[in-house]
């Protein structure tokens, strides 16, 4: 199914950003100049690309399709994914609140702790989706459902042309600025 391939590819991009966030959080806690701005840009990435775009496709396209084959939002893997999406949003809010008042070491520490909890949550979440949920979707959805899901995915992608590429470029620029190699491993 094309949608699960798109979502897996987006997971790779999100993992690159998680690595950058880990470095930015460390540098912010150390008081490194420019770390706050890098952190703000990364939070924008996670809100826009990871949550609105990526989770939007899952919540608006994939999860409703899975509900038609008995995997609804009231229990099981879809309920767990939705819960983790909500938890991630709360952690992003906590990071944003800490960034809004970076006037002391305690606030920088609070940002780092929330960022690392977010990194851990999203890393584990991505593994569950890639290894369990997407495989279930590929196996359980019939040809007609797959076609409808893929058409909805294509329409979603057309609504924001070049969005993925724009964020990939931004992350590449940030990786160069923070001397992080994309494709390295993040420990959750």
C-alpha atoms as a PDB file:
ATOM      1  CA  UNK A   1       0.000   0.000   0.000  1.00  0.00           C
ATOM      2  CA  UNK A   2       1.388   3.375  -0.991  1.00  0.00           C
ATOM      3  CA  UNK A   3       0.219   5.125   2.195  1.00  0.00           C
ATOM      4  CA  UNK A   4       2.221   2.879   4.511  1.00  0.00           C
ATOM      5  CA  UNK A   5       5.292   3.380   2.292  1.00  0.00           C
ATOM      6  CA  UNK A   6       4.837   7.163   2.514  1.00  0.00           C
ATOM      7  CA  UNK A   7       4.398   6.968   6.288  1.00  0.00           C
ATOM      8  CA  UNK A   8       7.523   4.822   6.664  1.00  0.00           C
ATOM      9  CA  UNK A   9       9.534   7.323   4.608  1.00  0.00           C
ATOM     10  CA  UNK A  10       8.223  10.147   6.789  1.00  0.00           C
ATOM     11  CA  UNK A  11       9.303   8.154   9.846  1.00  0.00           C
ATOM     12  CA  UNK A  12      12.874   8.242   8.513  1.00  0.00           C
ATOM     13  CA  UNK A  13      12.709  12.024   8.245  1.00  0.00           C
ATOM     14  CA  UNK A  14      11.202  12.312  11.735  1.00  0.00           C
ATOM     15  CA  UNK A  15      13.991  10.102  13.145  1.00  0.00           C
ATOM     16  CA  UNK A  16      16.566  12.458  11.613  1.00  0.00           C
ATOM     17  CA  UNK A  17      14.822  15.332  13.396  1.00  0.00           C
ATOM     18  CA  UNK A  18      14.770  13.407  16.684  1.00  0.00           C
ATOM     19  CA  UNK A  19      18.550  13.084  16.505  1.00  0.00           C
ATOM     20  CA  UNK A  20      18.845  16.812  15.900  1.00  0.00           C
ATOM     21  CA  UNK A  21      16.509  17.538  18.808  1.00  0.00           C
ATOM     22  CA  UNK A  22      18.651  15.414  21.110  1.00  0.00           C
ATOM     23  CA  UNK A  23      21.726  17.449  20.176  1.00  0.00           C
ATOM     24  CA  UNK A  24      19.880  20.764  20.371  1.00  0.00           C
ATOM     25  CA  UNK A  25      18.534  19.887  23.835  1.00  0.00           C
ATOM     26  CA  UNK A  26      22.016  19.009  25.077  1.00  0.00           C
ATOM     27  CA  UNK A  27      23.432  22.230  23.692  1.00  0.00           C
ATOM     28  CA  UNK A  28      20.568  24.242  25.117  1.00  0.00           C
ATOM     29  CA  UNK A  29      21.155  22.764  28.555  1.00  0.00           C
ATOM     30  CA  UNK A  30      24.827  23.713  28.221  1.00  0.00           C
ATOM     31  CA  UNK A  31      23.868  27.274  27.266  1.00  0.00           C
ATOM     32  CA  UNK A  32      25.381  27.031  23.770  1.00  0.00           C
ATOM     33  CA  UNK A  33      24.579  30.111  21.636  1.00  0.00           C
ATOM     34  CA  UNK A  34      22.063  29.361  18.887  1.00  0.00           C
ATOM     35  CA  UNK A  35      20.695  26.249  20.577  1.00  0.00           C
ATOM     36  CA  UNK A  36      17.417  27.940  21.521  1.00  0.00           C
ATOM     37  CA  UNK A  37      16.751  28.976  17.912  1.00  0.00           C
ATOM     38  CA  UNK A  38      17.588  25.484  16.639  1.00  0.00           C
ATOM     39  CA  UNK A  39      15.225  24.048  19.241  1.00  0.00           C
ATOM     40  CA  UNK A  40      12.430  26.417  18.182  1.00  0.00           C
ATOM     41  CA  UNK A  41      12.839  25.421  14.542  1.00  0.00           C
ATOM     42  CA  UNK A  42      12.780  21.756  15.466  1.00  0.00           C
ATOM     43  CA  UNK A  43       9.609  22.185  17.524  1.00  0.00           C
ATOM     44  CA  UNK A  44       8.049  23.853  14.481  1.00  0.00           C
ATOM     45  CA  UNK A  45       9.067  20.815  12.424  1.00  0.00           C
ATOM     46  CA  UNK A  46       7.502  18.405  14.907  1.00  0.00           C
ATOM     47  CA  UNK A  47       4.277  20.410  15.125  1.00  0.00           C
ATOM     48  CA  UNK A  48       3.935  20.931  11.384  1.00  0.00           C
ATOM     49  CA  UNK A  49       5.482  17.922   9.679  1.00  0.00           C
ATOM     50  CA  UNK A  50       5.309  15.175  12.302  1.00  0.00           C
ATOM     51  CA  UNK A  51       1.986  16.080  13.901  1.00  0.00           C
ATOM     52  CA  UNK A  52      -0.162  17.999  11.410  1.00  0.00           C
ATOM     53  CA  UNK A  53       1.095  16.279   8.263  1.00  0.00           C
ATOM     54  CA  UNK A  54       2.192  12.790   9.317  1.00  0.00           C
ATOM     55  CA  UNK A  55      -0.137  12.124  12.244  1.00  0.00           C
ATOM     56  CA  UNK A  56      -2.843  13.882  10.240  1.00  0.00           C
ATOM     57  CA  UNK A  57      -2.562  11.225   7.533  1.00  0.00           C
ATOM     58  CA  UNK A  58      -2.639   8.454  10.109  1.00  0.00           C
ATOM     59  CA  UNK A  59      -5.604   9.873  12.030  1.00  0.00           C
ATOM     60  CA  UNK A  60      -7.530  11.055   8.974  1.00  0.00           C
ATOM     61  CA  UNK A  61      -6.842   8.253   6.498  1.00  0.00           C
ATOM     62  CA  UNK A  62      -5.224   5.110   7.894  1.00  0.00           C
ATOM     63  CA  UNK A  63      -6.963   4.779  11.250  1.00  0.00           C
ATOM     64  CA  UNK A  64     -10.501   5.189   9.808  1.00  0.00           C
ATOM     65  CA  UNK A  65      -9.670   2.548   7.186  1.00  0.00           C
ATOM     66  CA  UNK A  66      -8.448   0.201   9.914  1.00  0.00           C
ATOM     67  CA  UNK A  67     -11.706   0.781  11.802  1.00  0.00           C
ATOM     68  CA  UNK A  68     -13.569  -0.787   8.856  1.00  0.00           C
ATOM     69  CA  UNK A  69     -11.724  -4.062   9.513  1.00  0.00           C
ATOM     70  CA  UNK A  70     -12.286  -4.052  13.266  1.00  0.00           C
ATOM     71  CA  UNK A  71      -9.310  -2.012  14.508  1.00  0.00           C
ATOM     72  CA  UNK A  72     -11.190   0.996  15.810  1.00  0.00           C
ATOM     73  CA  UNK A  73     -10.029   3.809  18.072  1.00  0.00           C
ATOM     74  CA  UNK A  74     -11.627   2.359  21.207  1.00  0.00           C
ATOM     75  CA  UNK A  75      -9.025  -0.311  21.889  1.00  0.00           C
ATOM     76  CA  UNK A  76      -6.054  -2.193  20.554  1.00  0.00           C
ATOM     77  CA  UNK A  77      -3.192  -0.794  18.527  1.00  0.00           C
ATOM     78  CA  UNK A  78      -5.038   2.190  17.045  1.00  0.00           C
ATOM     79  CA  UNK A  79      -6.133   3.366  20.490  1.00  0.00           C
ATOM     80  CA  UNK A  80      -2.540   3.068  21.686  1.00  0.00           C
ATOM     81  CA  UNK A  81      -1.234   5.083  18.720  1.00  0.00           C
ATOM     82  CA  UNK A  82      -3.830   7.803  19.299  1.00  0.00           C
ATOM     83  CA  UNK A  83      -2.919   7.963  22.976  1.00  0.00           C
ATOM     84  CA  UNK A  84       0.757   8.303  22.091  1.00  0.00           C
ATOM     85  CA  UNK A  85      -0.033  11.056  19.560  1.00  0.00           C
ATOM     86  CA  UNK A  86      -1.764  12.955  22.372  1.00  0.00           C
ATOM     87  CA  UNK A  87       1.116  12.347  24.772  1.00  0.00           C
ATOM     88  CA  UNK A  88       3.560  13.615  22.146  1.00  0.00           C
ATOM     89  CA  UNK A  89       1.516  16.776  21.663  1.00  0.00           C
ATOM     90  CA  UNK A  90       1.617  17.406  25.414  1.00  0.00           C
ATOM     91  CA  UNK A  91       5.386  16.927  25.491  1.00  0.00           C
ATOM     92  CA  UNK A  92       5.771  19.373  22.587  1.00  0.00           C
ATOM     93  CA  UNK A  93       3.683  21.889  24.554  1.00  0.00           C
ATOM     94  CA  UNK A  94       5.955  21.368  27.564  1.00  0.00           C
ATOM     95  CA  UNK A  95       9.015  21.966  25.384  1.00  0.00           C
ATOM     96  CA  UNK A  96       7.433  25.107  23.932  1.00  0.00           C
ATOM     97  CA  UNK A  97       6.548  26.444  27.371  1.00  0.00           C
ATOM     98  CA  UNK A  98      10.109  25.909  28.569  1.00  0.00           C
ATOM     99  CA  UNK A  99      11.495  27.630  25.459  1.00  0.00           C
ATOM    100  CA  UNK A 100       9.233  30.612  26.021  1.00  0.00           C
ATOM    101  CA  UNK A 101      10.998  31.404  29.300  1.00  0.00           C
ATOM    102  CA  UNK A 102      14.611  30.341  28.970  1.00  0.00           C
ATOM    103  CA  UNK A 103      15.881  32.615  31.681  1.00  0.00           C
ATOM    104  CA  UNK A 104      17.624  30.110  33.921  1.00  0.00           C
ATOM    105  CA  UNK A 105      19.300  26.735  34.117  1.00  0.00           C
ATOM    106  CA  UNK A 106      16.195  25.085  35.590  1.00  0.00           C
ATOM    107  CA  UNK A 107      14.085  26.038  32.566  1.00  0.00           C
ATOM    108  CA  UNK A 108      16.758  24.776  30.173  1.00  0.00           C
ATOM    109  CA  UNK A 109      16.853  21.538  32.153  1.00  0.00           C
ATOM    110  CA  UNK A 110      13.054  21.247  31.949  1.00  0.00           C
ATOM    111  CA  UNK A 111      13.236  21.652  28.160  1.00  0.00           C
ATOM    112  CA  UNK A 112      15.876  18.928  27.928  1.00  0.00           C
ATOM    113  CA  UNK A 113      13.863  16.512  30.031  1.00  0.00           C
ATOM    114  CA  UNK A 114      10.670  17.058  28.023  1.00  0.00           C
ATOM    115  CA  UNK A 115      12.583  16.823  24.739  1.00  0.00           C
ATOM    116  CA  UNK A 116      14.187  13.532  25.742  1.00  0.00           C
ATOM    117  CA  UNK A 117      10.839  12.085  26.858  1.00  0.00           C
ATOM    118  CA  UNK A 118       9.442  13.130  23.456  1.00  0.00           C
ATOM    119  CA  UNK A 119      12.398  11.533  21.651  1.00  0.00           C
ATOM    120  CA  UNK A 120      11.926   8.288  23.565  1.00  0.00           C
ATOM    121  CA  UNK A 121       8.156   8.250  23.054  1.00  0.00           C
ATOM    122  CA  UNK A 122       8.320   8.969  19.329  1.00  0.00           C
ATOM    123  CA  UNK A 123      11.187   6.526  18.700  1.00  0.00           C
ATOM    124  CA  UNK A 124       9.244   3.696  20.320  1.00  0.00           C
ATOM    125  CA  UNK A 125       6.006   4.825  18.650  1.00  0.00           C
ATOM    126  CA  UNK A 126       7.632   4.731  15.211  1.00  0.00           C
ATOM    127  CA  UNK A 127       8.963   1.228  15.841  1.00  0.00           C
ATOM    128  CA  UNK A 128       5.478   0.005  16.812  1.00  0.00           C
ATOM    129  CA  UNK A 129       3.881   1.538  13.744  1.00  0.00           C
ATOM    130  CA  UNK A 130       6.534   0.258  11.327  1.00  0.00           C
ATOM    131  CA  UNK A 131       6.765  -3.236  12.788  1.00  0.00           C
ATOM    132  CA  UNK A 132       3.167  -3.884  13.846  1.00  0.00           C
ATOM    133  CA  UNK A 133       0.498  -1.422  12.739  1.00  0.00           C
ATOM    134  CA  UNK A 134       1.596  -0.833   9.142  1.00  0.00           C
ATOM    135  CA  UNK A 135       2.107  -4.551   8.587  1.00  0.00           C
ATOM    136  CA  UNK A 136      -1.389  -5.190   9.911  1.00  0.00           C
ATOM    137  CA  UNK A 137      -2.781  -2.532   7.597  1.00  0.00           C
ATOM    138  CA  UNK A 138      -0.993  -3.989   4.579  1.00  0.00           C
ATOM    139  CA  UNK A 139      -2.389  -7.442   5.407  1.00  0.00           C
ATOM    140  CA  UNK A 140      -5.921  -6.577   6.541  1.00  0.00           C
ATOM    141  CA  UNK A 141      -7.052  -3.924   4.079  1.00  0.00           C
ATOM    142  CA  UNK A 142      -8.495  -5.285   0.849  1.00  0.00           C
ATOM    143  CA  UNK A 143      -7.701  -3.994  -2.646  1.00  0.00           C
ATOM    144  CA  UNK A 144     -10.622  -1.532  -2.723  1.00  0.00           C
ATOM    145  CA  UNK A 145      -9.753  -0.158   0.711  1.00  0.00           C
ATOM    146  CA  UNK A 146      -6.085   0.166  -0.266  1.00  0.00           C
ATOM    147  CA  UNK A 147      -7.022   2.026  -3.426  1.00  0.00           C
ATOM    148  CA  UNK A 148      -9.248   4.447  -1.472  1.00  0.00           C
ATOM    149  CA  UNK A 149      -6.560   4.975   1.167  1.00  0.00           C
ATOM    150  CA  UNK A 150      -3.898   5.594  -1.478  1.00  0.00           C
ATOM    151  CA  UNK A 151      -6.143   8.075  -3.311  1.00  0.00           C
ATOM    152  CA  UNK A 152      -6.735   9.961  -0.060  1.00  0.00           C
ATOM    153  CA  UNK A 153      -2.984   9.970   0.598  1.00  0.00           C
ATOM    154  CA  UNK A 154      -2.272  11.345  -2.881  1.00  0.00           C
ATOM    155  CA  UNK A 155      -4.873  14.088  -2.376  1.00  0.00           C
ATOM    156  CA  UNK A 156      -3.318  14.955   0.990  1.00  0.00           C
ATOM    157  CA  UNK A 157       0.137  15.167  -0.604  1.00  0.00           C
ATOM    158  CA  UNK A 158      -1.170  17.372  -3.439  1.00  0.00           C
ATOM    159  CA  UNK A 159      -2.711  19.806  -0.952  1.00  0.00           C
ATOM    160  CA  UNK A 160       0.808  20.752   0.212  1.00  0.00           C
ATOM    161  CA  UNK A 161       3.151  20.192  -2.721  1.00  0.00           C
ATOM    162  CA  UNK A 162       6.828  20.104  -1.824  1.00  0.00           C
ATOM    163  CA  UNK A 163       6.140  20.021   1.933  1.00  0.00           C
ATOM    164  CA  UNK A 164       8.217  16.929   2.628  1.00  0.00           C
ATOM    165  CA  UNK A 165      11.129  18.164   0.536  1.00  0.00           C
ATOM    166  CA  UNK A 166      11.050  21.579   2.242  1.00  0.00           C
ATOM    167  CA  UNK A 167      11.335  20.006   5.676  1.00  0.00           C
ATOM    168  CA  UNK A 168      14.048  17.614   4.511  1.00  0.00           C
ATOM    169  CA  UNK A 169      16.088  20.607   3.290  1.00  0.00           C
ATOM    170  CA  UNK A 170      15.577  22.423   6.588  1.00  0.00           C
ATOM    171  CA  UNK A 171      16.718  19.373   8.549  1.00  0.00           C
ATOM    172  CA  UNK A 172      19.743  19.029   6.281  1.00  0.00           C
ATOM    173  CA  UNK A 173      20.679  22.655   6.975  1.00  0.00           C
ATOM    174  CA  UNK A 174      20.212  22.149  10.698  1.00  0.00           C
ATOM    175  CA  UNK A 175      22.257  18.948  10.627  1.00  0.00           C
ATOM    176  CA  UNK A 176      25.109  20.845   9.018  1.00  0.00           C
ATOM    177  CA  UNK A 177      24.833  23.572  11.640  1.00  0.00           C
ATOM    178  CA  UNK A 178      24.818  21.121  14.522  1.00  0.00           C
ATOM    179  CA  UNK A 179      27.339  18.680  13.005  1.00  0.00           C
ATOM    180  CA  UNK A 180      24.916  15.755  13.226  1.00  0.00           C
ATOM    181  CA  UNK A 181      25.018  13.014  10.647  1.00  0.00           C
ATOM    182  CA  UNK A 182      21.600  12.123   9.323  1.00  0.00           C
ATOM    183  CA  UNK A 183      20.921   8.401   9.455  1.00  0.00           C
ATOM    184  CA  UNK A 184      22.687   7.790  12.790  1.00  0.00           C
ATOM    185  CA  UNK A 185      20.924   5.847  15.521  1.00  0.00           C
ATOM    186  CA  UNK A 186      18.811   7.436  18.259  1.00  0.00           C
ATOM    187  CA  UNK A 187      18.643   5.534  21.506  1.00  0.00           C
ATOM    188  CA  UNK A 188      15.176   5.708  23.069  1.00  0.00           C
END
